[in-house]
Amino acid sequence: MNIKLKFITYKLLILSILIFYGCKKELDEGFFISKEEDGILTNKVDTTSLLAYTVLNSKIKTNGLQTPVIGNYIDPIFGYTNAQFVTQFLSSSEYDFGEGTIIDSVIMQLSYSDYKTGYYGDKNIEQEIKIYDNTQDLKSDTSYYSDGNPTEYKGTNLIGSYKYKPFAADTSMLKLKLENSFGRELLDFKYKDDSGKEFLEKFKGLFIETDASVKNSALVKFDLLSTNSKIIIYYHNNENDEQQSYYYTFLNSVRFGLYQHDYTGTVFENDLGKYSKASEKLYIQGLGGIKSKILLPYIDNYSEKGAVAINKAELVIKAESTSDEIYTPIDYLKINSIDENGEEVYIDEFINNNSYVAVSYIDGEYKFNITKYIQSLVKNKKSNLGIYISAQNGSSNVKRSIITTMNHKTNPMKLVLSYTIID
């Protein structure tokens, strides 16, 4: 090989190294790639501006909860949360308890939800559950929200209380004793018909909470539709000394959750509801807590390039890694667009057979395929008012997630776009 050829080969080698490392640096900071196949130029970019910030999820509908939540705890990052629930209980029909009925005991059974996802916080700290009468008439055609005032429902009659550690006993349910006087009222009630209307006028339901003085325990989920969740009256009478039982269930009842959050002193308190370029993190919490809002202010610019076909649009949201077994990330997040009234609207990609399909947490991130939605924005077929990212099943989701913004220095949120200019 002559000297001139060696010199050219050497220059090509140096150029290749520079290109490789230059491309690597560009990919670390964001990329723009153009590739032509069969005469069609496809572009791929991940630097589209995303203005993201944390907002209050002021209220969510909590009607018909299967797994209501009770408890209170102080999250080291998200602050204080307190949860109660209200529920009716129903009798199947009038029942003859015999003459001279004597109450032996009244037991409420609450079946725990799944052991792995049925609590959040420190389940090893004892808390006290308290059962009061509910003072309000509850209606199946009325909407009940997470930010309702507990004092509107909580009566003055303490029906029962019990100190416990969630899941501490080797059992799938919590059993607590209620006052015998409560059972006496139930047994003495005289039905006029089988509609149950008079029963619900007399017994409006229960308000269930935990002692708020213990602020650093856990949120606990119960399954009210389990066959084990019920109120059981054990009794005997003059006709039969053997103990008998009768139970009331929560099936087909009106039930809803009430939640309070206090973000005083949290790291994000001063940034709630406003965008900050300095902010590298966003915060998402269930139980009507907080959610993330993302604006795409320059997505319309793609239409200036001509007719654009969006081949794929994937919103990649990075979650802050944690080895903490107590504060694990939310398993599923959902994404909704925002309409002119500020209300959340389903995005078509996530509707399947009239059911919402959420995105799961995998390997430290959530990936949302929003191709059709971005295409509609580029074509100006939908208003570009932003999107919300929130907890799936937020009415009973006890978890929370910390995700990154586009401003994060090492692991930013990205909208990865692949598009073709077709004219």
Protein backbone atom coordinates (compact mmCIF):
# COMPACT_ATOMS: atom_id res chain seq x y z
CA MET A 1 0.00 0.00 0.00
CA ASN A 2 1.55 3.36 -0.99
CA ILE A 3 1.90 6.30 1.40
CA LYS A 4 -0.93 8.27 -0.22
CA LEU A 5 -3.36 5.34 0.13
CA LYS A 6 -2.32 4.78 3.74
CA PHE A 7 -2.96 8.45 4.51
CA ILE A 8 -6.45 8.31 2.97
CA THR A 9 -7.27 5.12 4.89
CA TYR A 10 -6.10 6.77 8.12
CA LYS A 11 -8.29 9.84 7.50
CA LEU A 12 -11.32 7.65 6.84
CA LEU A 13 -10.72 5.77 10.08
CA ILE A 14 -10.49 8.99 12.08
CA LEU A 15 -13.62 10.33 10.37
CA SER A 16 -15.52 7.13 11.18
CA ILE A 17 -14.58 7.40 14.85
CA LEU A 18 -15.65 11.05 14.98
CA ILE A 19 -18.96 10.25 13.30
CA PHE A 20 -19.61 7.33 15.67
CA TYR A 21 -18.98 9.31 18.84
CA GLY A 22 -20.67 12.38 17.43
CA CYS A 23 -23.81 10.34 16.69
CA LYS A 24 -23.66 8.72 20.12
CA LYS A 25 -23.58 12.12 21.83
CA GLU A 26 -26.44 13.32 19.66
CA LEU A 27 -28.51 10.25 20.54
CA ASP A 28 -27.88 10.85 24.24
CA GLU A 29 -29.19 14.41 23.92
CA GLY A 30 -31.94 13.65 21.39
CA PHE A 31 -31.88 12.58 17.79
CA PHE A 32 -33.14 13.34 14.30
CA ILE A 33 -32.69 10.60 11.71
CA SER A 34 -33.71 10.57 8.06
CA LYS A 35 -33.79 7.33 6.10
CA GLU A 36 -34.84 6.75 2.52
CA GLU A 37 -36.33 3.46 1.34
CA ASP A 38 -37.98 2.86 -2.03
CA GLY A 39 -37.89 6.58 -2.70
CA ILE A 40 -39.79 7.40 0.53
CA LEU A 41 -38.00 9.53 3.11
CA THR A 42 -38.85 8.62 6.71
CA ASN A 43 -37.85 10.90 9.57
CA LYS A 44 -37.46 9.94 13.20
CA VAL A 45 -37.11 12.49 15.98
CA ASP A 46 -37.38 12.55 19.78
CA THR A 47 -36.84 16.26 20.50
CA THR A 48 -40.45 17.50 20.20
CA SER A 49 -41.07 19.94 23.06
CA LEU A 50 -43.11 18.61 25.98
CA LEU A 51 -44.09 21.11 28.67
CA ALA A 52 -45.09 19.01 31.67
CA TYR A 53 -46.11 19.83 35.21
CA THR A 54 -48.01 18.41 38.18
CA VAL A 55 -51.63 19.41 38.85
CA LEU A 56 -54.23 18.62 41.46
CA ASN A 57 -56.70 15.89 40.54
CA SER A 58 -59.34 17.75 42.51
CA LYS A 59 -62.07 15.14 42.45
CA ILE A 60 -62.90 11.81 40.89
CA LYS A 61 -66.11 9.83 40.95
CA THR A 62 -65.94 6.97 43.46
CA ASN A 63 -69.40 5.40 43.06
CA GLY A 64 -69.70 1.64 43.25
CA LEU A 65 -66.28 0.84 44.65
CA GLN A 66 -65.60 -2.86 44.93
CA THR A 67 -62.38 -2.29 46.85
CA PRO A 68 -62.78 0.82 49.03
CA VAL A 69 -59.80 2.15 50.98
CA ILE A 70 -59.37 3.19 54.61
CA GLY A 71 -56.37 4.38 56.56
CA ASN A 72 -53.98 7.30 56.73
CA TYR A 73 -50.25 7.70 56.33
CA ILE A 74 -47.50 10.21 55.67
CA ASP A 75 -45.58 9.59 52.49
CA PRO A 76 -42.00 10.98 52.72
CA ILE A 77 -42.46 12.68 49.32
CA PHE A 78 -46.22 12.96 48.70
CA GLY A 79 -47.29 14.12 52.15
CA TYR A 80 -50.38 13.13 54.11
CA THR A 81 -53.31 11.03 52.85
CA ASN A 82 -56.46 10.02 54.72
CA ALA A 83 -59.14 7.69 53.35
CA GLN A 84 -62.64 6.74 54.51
CA PHE A 85 -65.60 5.09 52.83
CA VAL A 86 -69.38 5.06 53.12
CA THR A 87 -71.55 2.06 52.31
CA GLN A 88 -75.06 0.76 52.62
CA PHE A 89 -75.69 -2.76 53.83
CA LEU A 90 -78.72 -4.73 52.75
CA SER A 91 -80.97 -7.46 54.04
CA SER A 92 -82.34 -10.03 51.63
CA SER A 93 -85.88 -9.99 53.03
CA GLU A 94 -87.94 -10.15 56.22
CA TYR A 95 -86.87 -12.98 58.48
CA ASP A 96 -88.56 -14.59 61.51
CA PHE A 97 -86.05 -14.61 64.38
CA GLY A 98 -88.45 -16.33 66.76
CA GLU A 99 -89.69 -15.31 70.18
CA GLY A 100 -87.45 -14.01 72.97
CA THR A 101 -84.45 -13.34 70.74
CA ILE A 102 -81.16 -12.74 72.55
CA ILE A 103 -78.17 -11.24 70.75
CA ASP A 104 -74.95 -13.20 71.32
CA SER A 105 -72.70 -11.01 69.14
CA VAL A 106 -72.59 -8.86 66.03
CA ILE A 107 -69.56 -9.32 63.79
CA MET A 108 -68.50 -7.34 60.73
CA GLN A 109 -66.28 -9.23 58.31
CA LEU A 110 -64.26 -7.31 55.72
CA SER A 111 -62.37 -9.38 53.20
CA TYR A 112 -58.91 -8.04 52.38
CA SER A 113 -58.10 -7.23 48.80
CA ASP A 114 -55.08 -8.90 47.21
CA TYR A 115 -52.17 -9.20 49.65
CA LYS A 116 -49.56 -7.73 47.25
CA THR A 117 -51.61 -4.73 46.12
CA GLY A 118 -54.09 -4.44 48.97
CA TYR A 119 -52.17 -1.92 51.05
CA TYR A 120 -49.72 0.96 50.77
CA GLY A 121 -47.51 2.24 53.53
CA ASP A 122 -46.31 0.44 56.66
CA LYS A 123 -48.65 -2.46 57.46
CA ASN A 124 -46.68 -3.24 60.62
CA ILE A 125 -48.02 -0.18 62.44
CA GLU A 126 -51.22 -0.71 64.39
CA GLN A 127 -54.25 1.35 63.45
CA GLU A 128 -57.80 1.54 64.78
CA ILE A 129 -60.78 1.12 62.50
CA LYS A 130 -63.99 2.87 63.59
CA ILE A 131 -67.55 2.24 62.38
CA TYR A 132 -70.18 4.99 62.67
CA ASP A 133 -73.70 5.34 61.40
CA ASN A 134 -74.15 7.25 58.13
CA THR A 135 -76.54 10.19 58.40
CA GLN A 136 -77.37 10.79 54.73
CA ASP A 137 -79.85 9.09 52.41
CA LEU A 138 -77.80 7.44 49.66
CA LYS A 139 -79.16 7.12 46.13
CA SER A 140 -77.96 4.87 43.33
CA ASP A 141 -78.51 7.55 40.68
CA THR A 142 -76.40 10.16 42.50
CA SER A 143 -72.70 10.77 41.79
CA TYR A 144 -70.36 10.75 44.78
CA TYR A 145 -66.86 12.20 44.58
CA SER A 146 -63.54 11.71 46.33
CA ASP A 147 -63.45 15.26 47.71
CA GLY A 148 -66.77 14.99 49.58
CA ASN A 149 -66.93 16.30 53.13
CA PRO A 150 -66.74 13.40 55.64
CA THR A 151 -68.64 15.36 58.29
CA GLU A 152 -71.73 15.30 56.07
CA TYR A 153 -71.93 11.51 56.41
CA LYS A 154 -70.30 10.66 59.75
CA GLY A 155 -72.85 10.17 62.50
CA THR A 156 -72.31 10.40 66.26
CA ASN A 157 -73.16 6.78 67.01
CA LEU A 158 -69.99 4.69 67.28
CA ILE A 159 -71.14 1.19 66.32
CA GLY A 160 -67.79 -0.54 66.72
CA SER A 161 -64.01 -0.11 66.78
CA TYR A 162 -61.02 -2.42 66.57
CA LYS A 163 -57.24 -2.07 66.69
CA TYR A 164 -55.36 -4.16 64.17
CA LYS A 165 -52.30 -4.52 61.96
CA PRO A 166 -53.29 -5.12 58.31
CA PHE A 167 -52.69 -8.71 57.19
CA ALA A 168 -50.99 -9.46 60.53
CA ALA A 169 -53.22 -12.41 61.38
CA ASP A 170 -53.15 -15.55 59.25
CA THR A 171 -56.50 -14.78 57.67
CA SER A 172 -57.94 -13.33 54.50
CA MET A 173 -60.32 -11.01 56.32
CA LEU A 174 -60.67 -8.58 59.18
CA LYS A 175 -63.26 -9.42 61.83
CA LEU A 176 -64.47 -6.80 64.29
CA LYS A 177 -67.18 -6.79 66.90
CA LEU A 178 -70.04 -4.32 66.62
CA GLU A 179 -72.29 -3.19 69.47
CA ASN A 180 -75.04 -5.64 70.40
CA SER A 181 -77.45 -2.69 70.56
CA PHE A 182 -76.90 -2.24 66.81
CA GLY A 183 -77.86 -5.89 66.26
CA ARG A 184 -80.91 -5.39 68.46
CA GLU A 185 -82.12 -2.56 66.25
CA LEU A 186 -81.69 -4.74 63.18
CA LEU A 187 -83.58 -7.70 64.63
CA ASP A 188 -86.42 -5.50 65.90
CA PHE A 189 -86.97 -3.84 62.54
CA LYS A 190 -90.37 -4.69 61.03
CA TYR A 191 -90.61 -4.88 57.24
CA LYS A 192 -93.64 -3.44 55.47
CA ASP A 193 -92.70 -4.83 52.06
CA ASP A 194 -89.83 -6.55 50.27
CA SER A 195 -88.58 -3.46 48.41
CA GLY A 196 -86.05 -2.62 51.11
CA LYS A 197 -87.00 1.07 50.94
CA GLU A 198 -88.12 1.27 54.57
CA PHE A 199 -84.99 -0.58 55.70
CA LEU A 200 -82.71 2.00 54.00
CA GLU A 201 -84.73 4.85 55.46
CA LYS A 202 -84.07 3.42 58.92
CA PHE A 203 -80.51 2.16 58.36
CA LYS A 204 -78.85 4.62 55.99
CA GLY A 205 -75.52 2.82 56.03
CA LEU A 206 -72.09 2.99 57.64
CA PHE A 207 -69.26 5.50 57.72
CA ILE A 208 -65.91 3.70 58.12
CA GLU A 209 -62.59 5.32 58.97
CA THR A 210 -59.40 4.82 60.98
CA ASP A 211 -58.19 6.85 63.95
CA ALA A 212 -56.56 9.92 62.37
CA SER A 213 -54.21 10.40 65.33
CA VAL A 214 -52.06 7.55 63.99
CA LYS A 215 -50.75 9.26 60.86
CA ASN A 216 -47.99 6.99 59.66
CA SER A 217 -49.57 3.59 59.14
CA ALA A 218 -51.02 2.28 55.86
CA LEU A 219 -53.86 2.56 53.41
CA VAL A 220 -55.76 -0.73 53.26
CA LYS A 221 -58.12 -2.03 50.55
CA PHE A 222 -61.08 -4.29 51.31
CA ASP A 223 -63.22 -6.26 48.88
CA LEU A 224 -66.87 -5.53 49.70
CA LEU A 225 -68.17 -7.82 46.96
CA SER A 226 -66.46 -10.85 48.41
CA THR A 227 -68.87 -13.42 49.84
CA ASN A 228 -66.91 -13.11 53.09
CA SER A 229 -67.66 -9.39 53.49
CA LYS A 230 -70.84 -9.07 55.53
CA ILE A 231 -72.42 -8.24 58.89
CA ILE A 232 -73.42 -11.33 60.88
CA ILE A 233 -75.78 -11.40 63.84
CA TYR A 234 -75.37 -14.43 66.11
CA TYR A 235 -78.36 -15.07 68.35
CA HIS A 236 -80.53 -17.62 70.10
CA ASN A 237 -84.15 -17.48 71.28
CA ASN A 238 -86.59 -19.03 73.71
CA GLU A 239 -87.56 -21.66 71.17
CA ASN A 240 -84.02 -22.82 70.43
CA ASP A 241 -80.94 -22.56 72.68
CA GLU A 242 -78.63 -23.37 69.80
CA GLN A 243 -76.86 -20.37 68.31
CA GLN A 244 -78.22 -19.20 64.98
CA SER A 245 -77.06 -16.50 62.55
CA TYR A 246 -78.35 -14.05 60.02
CA TYR A 247 -76.27 -11.80 57.78
CA TYR A 248 -76.44 -8.58 55.76
CA THR A 249 -74.30 -7.96 52.68
CA PHE A 250 -72.85 -5.00 50.75
CA LEU A 251 -73.93 -6.37 47.37
CA ASN A 252 -76.01 -3.98 45.24
CA SER A 253 -75.39 -1.24 47.77
CA VAL A 254 -74.42 2.39 47.26
CA ARG A 255 -70.79 2.79 48.35
CA PHE A 256 -68.08 5.38 47.72
CA GLY A 257 -64.74 6.65 48.98
CA LEU A 258 -63.74 9.98 50.54
CA TYR A 259 -60.09 11.09 50.46
CA GLN A 260 -58.08 13.98 51.84
CA HIS A 261 -54.55 14.96 50.79
CA ASP A 262 -52.20 17.51 52.34
CA TYR A 263 -49.16 18.50 50.27
CA THR A 264 -47.88 21.13 52.68
CA GLY A 265 -44.09 21.00 52.83
CA THR A 266 -43.68 18.62 49.88
CA VAL A 267 -40.93 19.21 47.30
CA PHE A 268 -43.55 19.95 44.63
CA GLU A 269 -45.92 22.13 46.69
CA ASN A 270 -44.83 25.41 45.09
CA ASP A 271 -44.88 23.99 41.54
CA LEU A 272 -48.42 22.61 41.59
CA GLY A 273 -50.40 23.82 38.60
CA LYS A 274 -47.58 25.63 36.82
CA TYR A 275 -44.76 24.80 34.44
CA SER A 276 -41.17 25.27 35.54
CA LYS A 277 -38.24 24.74 33.18
CA ALA A 278 -36.12 23.86 36.19
CA SER A 279 -38.41 21.02 37.21
CA GLU A 280 -37.08 17.56 36.33
CA LYS A 281 -39.77 15.46 38.00
CA LEU A 282 -43.54 14.97 37.94
CA TYR A 283 -45.76 13.34 40.54
CA ILE A 284 -48.77 11.05 40.09
CA GLN A 285 -50.96 9.68 42.86
CA GLY A 286 -54.18 7.70 43.07
CA LEU A 287 -57.23 8.36 45.27
CA GLY A 288 -57.96 11.69 43.60
CA GLY A 289 -54.53 13.05 44.49
CA ILE A 290 -52.37 14.53 41.74
CA LYS A 291 -51.69 13.90 38.07
CA SER A 292 -49.41 15.16 35.31
CA LYS A 293 -50.37 17.56 32.55
CA ILE A 294 -48.39 17.60 29.30
CA LEU A 295 -48.62 20.29 26.64
CA LEU A 296 -47.35 19.89 23.07
CA PRO A 297 -47.14 23.54 21.99
CA TYR A 298 -45.24 23.03 18.74
CA ILE A 299 -46.77 19.81 17.40
CA ASP A 300 -48.72 21.90 14.86
CA ASN A 301 -45.42 22.91 13.25
CA TYR A 302 -45.20 19.52 11.56
CA SER A 303 -48.12 20.52 9.34
CA GLU A 304 -45.96 23.33 7.91
CA LYS A 305 -43.79 20.68 6.27
CA GLY A 306 -46.69 19.75 4.00
CA ALA A 307 -48.90 16.67 4.16
CA VAL A 308 -47.40 14.57 6.96
CA ALA A 309 -48.17 10.95 7.76
CA ILE A 310 -47.36 9.96 11.34
CA ASN A 311 -46.02 6.42 11.13
CA LYS A 312 -45.63 6.04 14.86
CA ALA A 313 -45.81 8.32 17.89
CA GLU A 314 -44.72 6.87 21.20
CA LEU A 315 -44.70 8.83 24.43
CA VAL A 316 -41.99 7.31 26.61
CA ILE A 317 -42.29 8.22 30.28
CA LYS A 318 -39.43 7.31 32.57
CA ALA A 319 -40.20 6.48 36.19
CA GLU A 320 -37.77 7.19 38.98
CA SER A 321 -36.25 3.90 40.06
CA THR A 322 -36.71 2.75 43.64
CA SER A 323 -35.79 -0.27 45.70
CA ASP A 324 -38.28 0.69 48.39
CA GLU A 325 -40.71 -2.16 49.00
CA ILE A 326 -43.23 0.14 50.66
CA TYR A 327 -43.58 2.88 48.05
CA THR A 328 -43.70 0.92 44.78
CA PRO A 329 -44.70 2.68 41.51
CA ILE A 330 -48.21 2.64 40.08
CA ASP A 331 -48.72 -0.55 38.06
CA TYR A 332 -50.84 1.08 35.33
CA LEU A 333 -51.16 4.66 34.10
CA LYS A 334 -53.79 6.07 31.78
CA ILE A 335 -53.65 8.92 29.27
CA ASN A 336 -56.53 11.23 28.31
CA SER A 337 -56.75 14.30 26.12
CA ILE A 338 -58.26 17.56 27.37
CA ASP A 339 -61.31 19.16 25.76
CA GLU A 340 -62.42 22.82 25.57
CA ASN A 341 -64.14 22.53 28.97
CA GLY A 342 -61.00 21.23 30.65
CA GLU A 343 -62.54 17.77 30.96
CA GLU A 344 -60.67 14.51 30.29
CA VAL A 345 -61.57 12.69 27.07
CA TYR A 346 -60.57 9.16 26.12
CA ILE A 347 -57.98 8.77 23.38
CA ASP A 348 -59.16 6.30 20.73
CA GLU A 349 -56.02 4.13 20.85
CA PHE A 350 -56.82 3.10 24.41
CA ILE A 351 -60.42 2.00 23.98
CA ASN A 352 -61.05 -1.69 23.33
CA ASN A 353 -64.59 -3.12 23.43
CA ASN A 354 -65.75 -0.06 25.40
CA SER A 355 -63.11 -0.70 28.05
CA TYR A 356 -60.10 1.49 28.78
CA VAL A 357 -56.71 -0.15 28.22
CA ALA A 358 -54.05 1.32 30.50
CA VAL A 359 -50.27 1.15 30.06
CA SER A 360 -48.23 -0.98 32.43
CA TYR A 361 -45.01 -0.18 34.24
CA ILE A 362 -42.22 -2.23 32.62
CA ASP A 363 -38.48 -1.91 33.19
CA GLY A 364 -38.71 1.53 34.73
CA GLU A 365 -40.96 3.19 32.17
CA TYR A 366 -44.42 3.59 30.69
CA LYS A 367 -44.86 3.65 26.89
CA PHE A 368 -47.98 5.14 25.28
CA ASN A 369 -48.59 4.60 21.57
CA ILE A 370 -50.49 7.76 20.59
CA THR A 371 -50.02 7.64 16.81
CA LYS A 372 -53.64 8.36 15.83
CA TYR A 373 -53.93 11.14 18.38
CA ILE A 374 -50.78 12.93 17.16
CA GLN A 375 -51.89 12.51 13.55
CA SER A 376 -55.20 14.20 14.40
CA LEU A 377 -53.31 17.11 16.01
CA VAL A 378 -51.02 17.52 13.01
CA LYS A 379 -54.04 17.57 10.70
CA ASN A 380 -55.79 20.03 13.07
CA LYS A 381 -58.72 17.64 13.46
CA LYS A 382 -58.57 17.91 17.26
CA SER A 383 -57.87 20.80 19.60
CA ASN A 384 -54.35 20.76 20.99
CA LEU A 385 -55.11 21.47 24.65
CA GLY A 386 -52.78 18.91 26.19
CA ILE A 387 -53.06 15.53 27.85
CA TYR A 388 -53.33 14.19 31.39
CA ILE A 389 -51.39 11.21 32.75
CA SER A 390 -52.98 9.71 35.86
CA ALA A 391 -53.38 6.51 37.86
CA GLN A 392 -55.60 3.83 36.35
CA ASN A 393 -58.55 2.97 38.66
CA GLY A 394 -57.74 6.14 40.56
CA SER A 395 -60.81 5.83 42.80
CA SER A 396 -59.17 2.95 44.69
CA ASN A 397 -55.54 3.02 43.53
CA VAL A 398 -53.37 3.54 46.61
CA LYS A 399 -50.02 3.82 44.79
CA ARG A 400 -47.98 6.72 43.45
CA SER A 401 -45.26 7.30 40.85
CA ILE A 402 -42.48 9.81 40.30
CA ILE A 403 -41.73 10.35 36.62
CA THR A 404 -39.28 12.59 34.79
CA THR A 405 -39.89 15.62 32.59
CA MET A 406 -38.21 16.46 29.30
CA ASN A 407 -35.85 18.65 31.35
CA HIS A 408 -34.34 15.68 33.18
CA LYS A 409 -30.61 15.62 32.48
CA THR A 410 -30.06 11.87 32.19
CA ASN A 411 -33.42 10.13 31.73
CA PRO A 412 -35.94 12.50 30.15
CA MET A 413 -39.49 11.98 28.97
CA LYS A 414 -39.64 11.76 25.18
CA LEU A 415 -42.11 11.79 22.34
CA VAL A 416 -40.53 9.55 19.71
CA LEU A 417 -42.00 10.43 16.31
CA SER A 418 -41.60 8.63 13.03
CA TYR A 419 -43.16 10.51 10.12
CA THR A 420 -43.17 10.86 6.36
CA ILE A 421 -43.71 13.97 4.28
CA ILE A 422 -45.94 12.79 1.46
CA ASP A 423 -46.02 15.82 -0.80
